[in-house]
N, C-alpha and C. Protein backbone atom coordinates (compact mmCIF):
# COMPACT_ATOMS: atom_id res chain seq x y z
N MET A 1 2.63 5.51 -18.78
CA MET A 1 1.24 5.15 -18.93
C MET A 1 0.94 3.85 -18.17
N LYS A 2 1.88 2.90 -18.25
CA LYS A 2 1.68 1.64 -17.53
C LYS A 2 1.66 1.88 -16.02
N PHE A 3 2.52 2.81 -15.58
CA PHE A 3 2.57 3.12 -14.15
C PHE A 3 1.24 3.69 -13.68
N LEU A 4 0.69 4.62 -14.43
CA LEU A 4 -0.58 5.25 -14.06
C LEU A 4 -1.71 4.23 -14.08
N PHE A 5 -1.73 3.37 -15.09
CA PHE A 5 -2.76 2.34 -15.17
C PHE A 5 -2.66 1.38 -13.99
N ARG A 6 -1.46 0.96 -13.68
CA ARG A 6 -1.24 0.05 -12.56
C ARG A 6 -1.64 0.71 -11.24
N PHE A 7 -1.26 1.98 -11.07
CA PHE A 7 -1.58 2.75 -9.87
C PHE A 7 -3.09 2.87 -9.68
N LEU A 8 -3.80 3.28 -10.72
CA LEU A 8 -5.25 3.46 -10.62
C LEU A 8 -5.97 2.14 -10.40
N LEU A 9 -5.50 1.09 -11.04
CA LEU A 9 -6.14 -0.21 -10.88
C LEU A 9 -5.98 -0.73 -9.45
N ILE A 10 -4.80 -0.57 -8.88
CA ILE A 10 -4.58 -0.99 -7.50
C ILE A 10 -5.42 -0.16 -6.55
N LEU A 11 -5.48 1.14 -6.79
CA LEU A 11 -6.24 2.04 -5.93
C LEU A 11 -7.73 1.72 -5.95
N ILE A 12 -8.30 1.54 -7.12
CA ILE A 12 -9.74 1.28 -7.23
C ILE A 12 -10.08 -0.11 -6.72
N LEU A 13 -9.32 -1.11 -7.13
CA LEU A 13 -9.60 -2.47 -6.67
C LEU A 13 -9.41 -2.60 -5.16
N GLY A 14 -8.37 -1.97 -4.63
CA GLY A 14 -8.13 -1.99 -3.18
C GLY A 14 -9.24 -1.30 -2.41
N PHE A 15 -9.76 -0.19 -2.94
CA PHE A 15 -10.85 0.53 -2.27
C PHE A 15 -12.09 -0.34 -2.16
N PHE A 16 -12.46 -0.99 -3.26
CA PHE A 16 -13.67 -1.81 -3.23
C PHE A 16 -13.48 -3.08 -2.40
N LEU A 17 -12.28 -3.64 -2.41
CA LEU A 17 -12.04 -4.81 -1.58
C LEU A 17 -12.07 -4.47 -0.10
N MET A 18 -11.58 -3.27 0.26
CA MET A 18 -11.59 -2.87 1.67
C MET A 18 -13.00 -2.59 2.17
N LYS A 19 -13.94 -2.34 1.27
CA LYS A 19 -15.32 -2.11 1.68
C LYS A 19 -16.02 -3.41 2.10
N VAL A 20 -15.63 -4.53 1.50
CA VAL A 20 -16.33 -5.78 1.78
C VAL A 20 -15.48 -6.81 2.52
N LEU A 21 -14.17 -6.68 2.48
CA LEU A 21 -13.27 -7.63 3.13
C LEU A 21 -12.46 -6.91 4.20
N PRO A 22 -11.67 -7.62 4.98
CA PRO A 22 -10.83 -6.97 6.00
C PRO A 22 -9.83 -5.98 5.40
N PHE A 23 -9.23 -5.19 6.26
CA PHE A 23 -8.35 -4.11 5.83
C PHE A 23 -7.14 -4.58 5.04
N TRP A 24 -6.66 -5.77 5.29
CA TRP A 24 -5.46 -6.26 4.62
C TRP A 24 -5.75 -6.75 3.21
N SER A 25 -7.01 -6.78 2.79
CA SER A 25 -7.34 -7.27 1.45
C SER A 25 -6.82 -6.34 0.36
N ALA A 26 -6.51 -5.10 0.70
CA ALA A 26 -5.94 -4.19 -0.30
C ALA A 26 -4.57 -4.68 -0.75
N ALA A 27 -3.83 -5.32 0.12
CA ALA A 27 -2.53 -5.89 -0.28
C ALA A 27 -2.73 -7.03 -1.28
N LEU A 28 -3.82 -7.76 -1.15
CA LEU A 28 -4.13 -8.80 -2.13
C LEU A 28 -4.44 -8.18 -3.49
N ALA A 29 -5.10 -7.03 -3.47
CA ALA A 29 -5.38 -6.34 -4.73
C ALA A 29 -4.08 -5.96 -5.43
N ALA A 30 -3.12 -5.46 -4.67
CA ALA A 30 -1.82 -5.09 -5.25
C ALA A 30 -1.12 -6.33 -5.80
N PHE A 31 -1.21 -7.45 -5.09
CA PHE A 31 -0.59 -8.69 -5.56
C PHE A 31 -1.22 -9.16 -6.86
N VAL A 32 -2.55 -9.14 -6.92
CA VAL A 32 -3.26 -9.61 -8.10
C VAL A 32 -2.97 -8.72 -9.31
N VAL A 33 -2.93 -7.42 -9.10
CA VAL A 33 -2.61 -6.51 -10.20
C VAL A 33 -1.17 -6.72 -10.66
N GLY A 34 -0.26 -6.89 -9.72
CA GLY A 34 1.13 -7.16 -10.09
C GLY A 34 1.26 -8.47 -10.85
N LEU A 35 0.50 -9.47 -10.44
CA LEU A 35 0.53 -10.77 -11.11
C LEU A 35 -0.08 -10.67 -12.50
N GLY A 36 -1.18 -9.97 -12.61
CA GLY A 36 -1.86 -9.87 -13.90
C GLY A 36 -1.13 -9.01 -14.92
N LEU A 37 -0.42 -8.00 -14.47
CA LEU A 37 0.25 -7.07 -15.39
C LEU A 37 1.74 -7.32 -15.52
N SER A 38 2.20 -8.49 -15.08
CA SER A 38 3.64 -8.78 -15.22
C SER A 38 3.94 -9.05 -16.69
N GLU A 39 5.16 -8.74 -17.07
CA GLU A 39 5.58 -8.90 -18.46
C GLU A 39 6.70 -9.92 -18.55
N LYS A 40 6.72 -10.62 -19.64
CA LYS A 40 7.82 -11.55 -19.88
C LYS A 40 8.99 -10.76 -20.44
N ARG A 41 10.13 -10.83 -19.78
CA ARG A 41 11.32 -10.11 -20.21
C ARG A 41 12.36 -11.11 -20.70
N LYS A 42 13.18 -10.64 -21.61
CA LYS A 42 14.26 -11.49 -22.11
C LYS A 42 15.34 -11.61 -21.05
N ARG A 43 15.80 -12.81 -20.88
CA ARG A 43 16.90 -13.03 -19.94
C ARG A 43 18.18 -13.17 -20.73
N ARG A 44 19.18 -12.45 -20.31
CA ARG A 44 20.48 -12.54 -20.94
C ARG A 44 21.47 -13.04 -19.92
N MET A 45 22.45 -13.78 -20.40
CA MET A 45 23.34 -14.44 -19.47
C MET A 45 24.19 -13.46 -18.66
N PHE A 46 24.78 -12.48 -19.29
CA PHE A 46 25.69 -11.59 -18.57
C PHE A 46 25.14 -10.17 -18.44
N ALA A 47 23.86 -10.01 -18.61
CA ALA A 47 23.27 -8.68 -18.50
C ALA A 47 23.02 -8.34 -17.03
N LYS A 48 22.91 -7.04 -16.79
CA LYS A 48 22.60 -6.61 -15.43
C LYS A 48 21.20 -7.08 -15.05
N LYS A 49 21.03 -7.39 -13.79
CA LYS A 49 19.70 -7.77 -13.33
C LYS A 49 18.81 -6.54 -13.35
N GLN A 50 17.59 -6.72 -13.80
CA GLN A 50 16.67 -5.60 -13.91
C GLN A 50 15.94 -5.38 -12.60
N ALA A 51 15.80 -4.14 -12.26
CA ALA A 51 15.01 -3.79 -11.08
C ALA A 51 13.55 -3.64 -11.50
N TYR A 52 12.67 -3.69 -10.56
CA TYR A 52 11.24 -3.59 -10.83
C TYR A 52 10.66 -2.41 -10.05
N PRO A 53 11.13 -1.21 -10.34
CA PRO A 53 10.67 -0.09 -9.53
C PRO A 53 9.24 0.31 -9.80
N PHE A 54 8.77 0.16 -11.04
CA PHE A 54 7.43 0.62 -11.35
C PHE A 54 6.38 -0.18 -10.61
N SER A 55 6.57 -1.46 -10.53
CA SER A 55 5.61 -2.31 -9.83
C SER A 55 5.56 -1.95 -8.36
N PHE A 56 6.72 -1.81 -7.73
CA PHE A 56 6.76 -1.49 -6.31
C PHE A 56 6.17 -0.12 -6.05
N TRP A 57 6.60 0.90 -6.80
CA TRP A 57 6.17 2.26 -6.51
C TRP A 57 4.69 2.48 -6.82
N ALA A 58 4.15 1.80 -7.81
CA ALA A 58 2.72 1.92 -8.08
C ALA A 58 1.92 1.36 -6.92
N GLY A 59 2.31 0.19 -6.42
CA GLY A 59 1.64 -0.39 -5.26
C GLY A 59 1.82 0.43 -4.01
N PHE A 60 3.04 0.95 -3.81
CA PHE A 60 3.31 1.75 -2.62
C PHE A 60 2.47 3.02 -2.61
N LEU A 61 2.48 3.76 -3.70
CA LEU A 61 1.74 5.02 -3.73
C LEU A 61 0.24 4.81 -3.63
N ALA A 62 -0.27 3.79 -4.31
CA ALA A 62 -1.71 3.53 -4.26
C ALA A 62 -2.16 3.17 -2.84
N MET A 63 -1.44 2.28 -2.19
CA MET A 63 -1.84 1.88 -0.84
C MET A 63 -1.54 2.95 0.20
N PHE A 64 -0.48 3.74 -0.02
CA PHE A 64 -0.19 4.85 0.88
C PHE A 64 -1.35 5.84 0.87
N LEU A 65 -1.81 6.19 -0.32
CA LEU A 65 -2.93 7.13 -0.42
C LEU A 65 -4.23 6.51 0.07
N LEU A 66 -4.45 5.23 -0.23
CA LEU A 66 -5.69 4.59 0.18
C LEU A 66 -5.77 4.43 1.70
N TRP A 67 -4.74 3.87 2.31
CA TRP A 67 -4.77 3.68 3.76
C TRP A 67 -4.71 5.01 4.49
N GLY A 68 -3.93 5.95 3.98
CA GLY A 68 -3.89 7.27 4.59
C GLY A 68 -5.23 7.98 4.50
N GLY A 69 -5.86 7.89 3.34
CA GLY A 69 -7.18 8.50 3.17
C GLY A 69 -8.23 7.87 4.06
N MET A 70 -8.22 6.55 4.14
CA MET A 70 -9.18 5.86 5.01
C MET A 70 -8.93 6.19 6.47
N ALA A 71 -7.67 6.32 6.86
CA ALA A 71 -7.35 6.66 8.24
C ALA A 71 -7.81 8.08 8.57
N VAL A 72 -7.66 9.00 7.62
CA VAL A 72 -8.13 10.38 7.84
C VAL A 72 -9.65 10.40 7.97
N ILE A 73 -10.35 9.64 7.14
CA ILE A 73 -11.81 9.60 7.21
C ILE A 73 -12.26 9.04 8.55
N LYS A 74 -11.67 7.94 8.98
CA LYS A 74 -12.04 7.35 10.27
C LYS A 74 -11.66 8.28 11.42
N ASP A 75 -10.55 8.99 11.29
CA ASP A 75 -10.12 9.91 12.33
C ASP A 75 -11.08 11.10 12.44
N GLN A 76 -11.57 11.57 11.33
CA GLN A 76 -12.51 12.69 11.35
C GLN A 76 -13.87 12.26 11.90
N GLN A 77 -14.25 11.01 11.69
CA GLN A 77 -15.53 10.53 12.18
C GLN A 77 -15.60 10.50 13.70
N ASN A 78 -14.49 10.23 14.36
CA ASN A 78 -14.51 10.19 15.83
C ASN A 78 -13.81 11.40 16.45
N GLY A 79 -13.58 12.42 15.65
CA GLY A 79 -13.00 13.65 16.18
C GLY A 79 -11.53 13.55 16.57
N GLY A 80 -10.84 12.55 16.11
CA GLY A 80 -9.42 12.39 16.41
C GLY A 80 -9.13 11.82 17.78
N LEU A 81 -10.16 11.36 18.48
CA LEU A 81 -9.95 10.86 19.84
C LEU A 81 -9.16 9.55 19.86
N LEU A 82 -9.54 8.63 19.00
CA LEU A 82 -8.91 7.31 19.04
C LEU A 82 -7.42 7.39 18.68
N SER A 83 -7.09 8.09 17.62
CA SER A 83 -5.68 8.16 17.23
C SER A 83 -4.86 8.94 18.25
N ALA A 84 -5.46 9.95 18.88
CA ALA A 84 -4.73 10.70 19.91
C ALA A 84 -4.47 9.82 21.13
N LYS A 85 -5.45 8.99 21.49
CA LYS A 85 -5.27 8.09 22.64
C LYS A 85 -4.23 7.01 22.33
N ILE A 86 -4.24 6.49 21.11
CA ILE A 86 -3.24 5.47 20.75
C ILE A 86 -1.85 6.09 20.74
N ALA A 87 -1.73 7.30 20.21
CA ALA A 87 -0.43 7.99 20.23
C ALA A 87 0.01 8.25 21.66
N GLN A 88 -0.93 8.55 22.53
CA GLN A 88 -0.62 8.77 23.95
C GLN A 88 -0.12 7.48 24.59
N LEU A 89 -0.74 6.35 24.24
CA LEU A 89 -0.28 5.07 24.78
C LEU A 89 1.12 4.71 24.28
N ILE A 90 1.37 4.95 23.02
CA ILE A 90 2.66 4.57 22.45
C ILE A 90 3.79 5.43 23.00
N THR A 91 3.55 6.74 23.11
CA THR A 91 4.60 7.63 23.60
C THR A 91 4.66 7.68 25.12
N ARG A 92 3.67 7.11 25.78
CA ARG A 92 3.58 7.07 27.25
C ARG A 92 3.59 8.47 27.86
N SER A 93 2.93 9.39 27.20
CA SER A 93 2.85 10.75 27.74
C SER A 93 1.57 10.89 28.56
N ALA A 94 1.56 11.85 29.46
CA ALA A 94 0.41 12.05 30.35
C ALA A 94 -0.74 12.74 29.64
N GLU A 95 -0.44 13.66 28.74
CA GLU A 95 -1.52 14.36 28.04
C GLU A 95 -1.49 14.04 26.56
N ALA A 96 -2.66 14.18 25.94
CA ALA A 96 -2.78 13.87 24.52
C ALA A 96 -2.18 15.01 23.69
N ASP A 97 -1.35 14.66 22.75
CA ASP A 97 -0.72 15.63 21.86
C ASP A 97 -1.55 15.70 20.58
N PRO A 98 -1.96 16.89 20.14
CA PRO A 98 -2.76 16.97 18.92
C PRO A 98 -2.02 16.50 17.67
N SER A 99 -0.71 16.61 17.65
CA SER A 99 0.03 16.14 16.48
C SER A 99 0.19 14.62 16.48
N GLY A 100 -0.15 13.98 17.59
CA GLY A 100 -0.04 12.52 17.67
C GLY A 100 -0.99 11.81 16.73
N SER A 101 -2.16 12.40 16.49
CA SER A 101 -3.11 11.75 15.59
C SER A 101 -2.57 11.74 14.16
N TRP A 102 -1.91 12.81 13.75
CA TRP A 102 -1.33 12.84 12.41
C TRP A 102 -0.14 11.89 12.30
N THR A 103 0.56 11.71 13.38
CA THR A 103 1.65 10.74 13.38
C THR A 103 1.12 9.33 13.18
N MET A 104 0.01 9.02 13.84
CA MET A 104 -0.59 7.69 13.69
C MET A 104 -1.15 7.49 12.28
N ILE A 105 -1.73 8.53 11.71
CA ILE A 105 -2.24 8.43 10.34
C ILE A 105 -1.09 8.21 9.36
N LEU A 106 0.00 8.92 9.55
CA LEU A 106 1.18 8.74 8.69
C LEU A 106 1.78 7.35 8.85
N ALA A 107 1.79 6.84 10.07
CA ALA A 107 2.31 5.48 10.31
C ALA A 107 1.43 4.44 9.62
N ALA A 108 0.11 4.61 9.71
CA ALA A 108 -0.81 3.68 9.04
C ALA A 108 -0.63 3.74 7.53
N ALA A 109 -0.47 4.95 6.99
CA ALA A 109 -0.28 5.10 5.55
C ALA A 109 1.04 4.47 5.10
N LEU A 110 2.08 4.63 5.90
CA LEU A 110 3.38 4.05 5.56
C LEU A 110 3.33 2.52 5.59
N ILE A 111 2.67 1.96 6.58
CA ILE A 111 2.53 0.50 6.63
C ILE A 111 1.73 0.00 5.44
N GLY A 112 0.65 0.68 5.12
CA GLY A 112 -0.14 0.30 3.96
C GLY A 112 0.64 0.42 2.67
N GLY A 113 1.44 1.47 2.56
CA GLY A 113 2.26 1.64 1.37
C GLY A 113 3.28 0.53 1.20
N LEU A 114 3.91 0.15 2.29
CA LEU A 114 4.88 -0.95 2.21
C LEU A 114 4.21 -2.27 1.86
N LEU A 115 3.03 -2.52 2.44
CA LEU A 115 2.31 -3.75 2.10
C LEU A 115 1.91 -3.77 0.63
N GLY A 116 1.42 -2.65 0.14
CA GLY A 116 1.02 -2.58 -1.26
C GLY A 116 2.21 -2.69 -2.20
N GLY A 117 3.31 -2.03 -1.85
CA GLY A 117 4.49 -2.09 -2.71
C GLY A 117 5.08 -3.48 -2.79
N PHE A 118 5.24 -4.12 -1.65
CA PHE A 118 5.81 -5.47 -1.68
C PHE A 118 4.82 -6.48 -2.24
N GLY A 119 3.52 -6.25 -2.05
CA GLY A 119 2.52 -7.13 -2.65
C GLY A 119 2.56 -7.06 -4.17
N SER A 120 2.63 -5.84 -4.69
CA SER A 120 2.69 -5.66 -6.14
C SER A 120 3.99 -6.21 -6.72
N LEU A 121 5.08 -5.97 -6.03
CA LEU A 121 6.37 -6.49 -6.49
C LEU A 121 6.39 -8.02 -6.47
N SER A 122 5.83 -8.62 -5.43
CA SER A 122 5.78 -10.09 -5.35
C SER A 122 4.93 -10.67 -6.46
N GLY A 123 3.79 -10.04 -6.73
CA GLY A 123 2.94 -10.50 -7.82
C GLY A 123 3.63 -10.39 -9.16
N ASN A 124 4.35 -9.30 -9.37
CA ASN A 124 5.07 -9.11 -10.62
C ASN A 124 6.16 -10.15 -10.80
N LEU A 125 6.92 -10.41 -9.76
CA LEU A 125 8.00 -11.40 -9.85
C LEU A 125 7.45 -12.81 -10.04
N LEU A 126 6.35 -13.13 -9.36
CA LEU A 126 5.74 -14.45 -9.54
C LEU A 126 5.19 -14.60 -10.95
N GLY A 127 4.58 -13.55 -11.47
CA GLY A 127 4.06 -13.61 -12.83
C GLY A 127 5.16 -13.83 -13.86
N GLU A 128 6.30 -13.18 -13.66
CA GLU A 128 7.42 -13.40 -14.57
C GLU A 128 7.99 -14.80 -14.45
N ALA A 129 8.02 -15.33 -13.23
CA ALA A 129 8.53 -16.69 -13.03
C ALA A 129 7.60 -17.71 -13.68
N ILE A 130 6.31 -17.47 -13.62
CA ILE A 130 5.36 -18.39 -14.24
C ILE A 130 5.44 -18.32 -15.75
N LYS A 131 5.60 -17.13 -16.30
CA LYS A 131 5.63 -16.96 -17.75
C LYS A 131 6.92 -17.46 -18.38
N HIS A 132 7.97 -17.60 -17.59
CA HIS A 132 9.24 -18.08 -18.13
C HIS A 132 9.22 -19.55 -18.09
């Protein structure tokens, strides 16, 4: 339940921030949600260090879907020309490959997912450090 709440909060807050601020503001949304929803955990001297997978994966999935969705919308608005041309520049091919636009959309979604995941994880770790 916490994962779903964190995921939806990052997705909604990131969407509205991307409407009024630059594209990278969605990573700030993931950081703020991670900071706000961090929990104070008991520290034990010889216990295993705890991983924070929920924070990272909630941010990763939310930003992956958000950036991927926004890239698909922008790609459909210009008929896929821009992403095909960028893929053509990167691969240095003479003709535009139709699958190149989907490769660029997937790359944008992956970058967004990593930014969101690490932003949420950083916020969570900072919140725990402050609360301790």
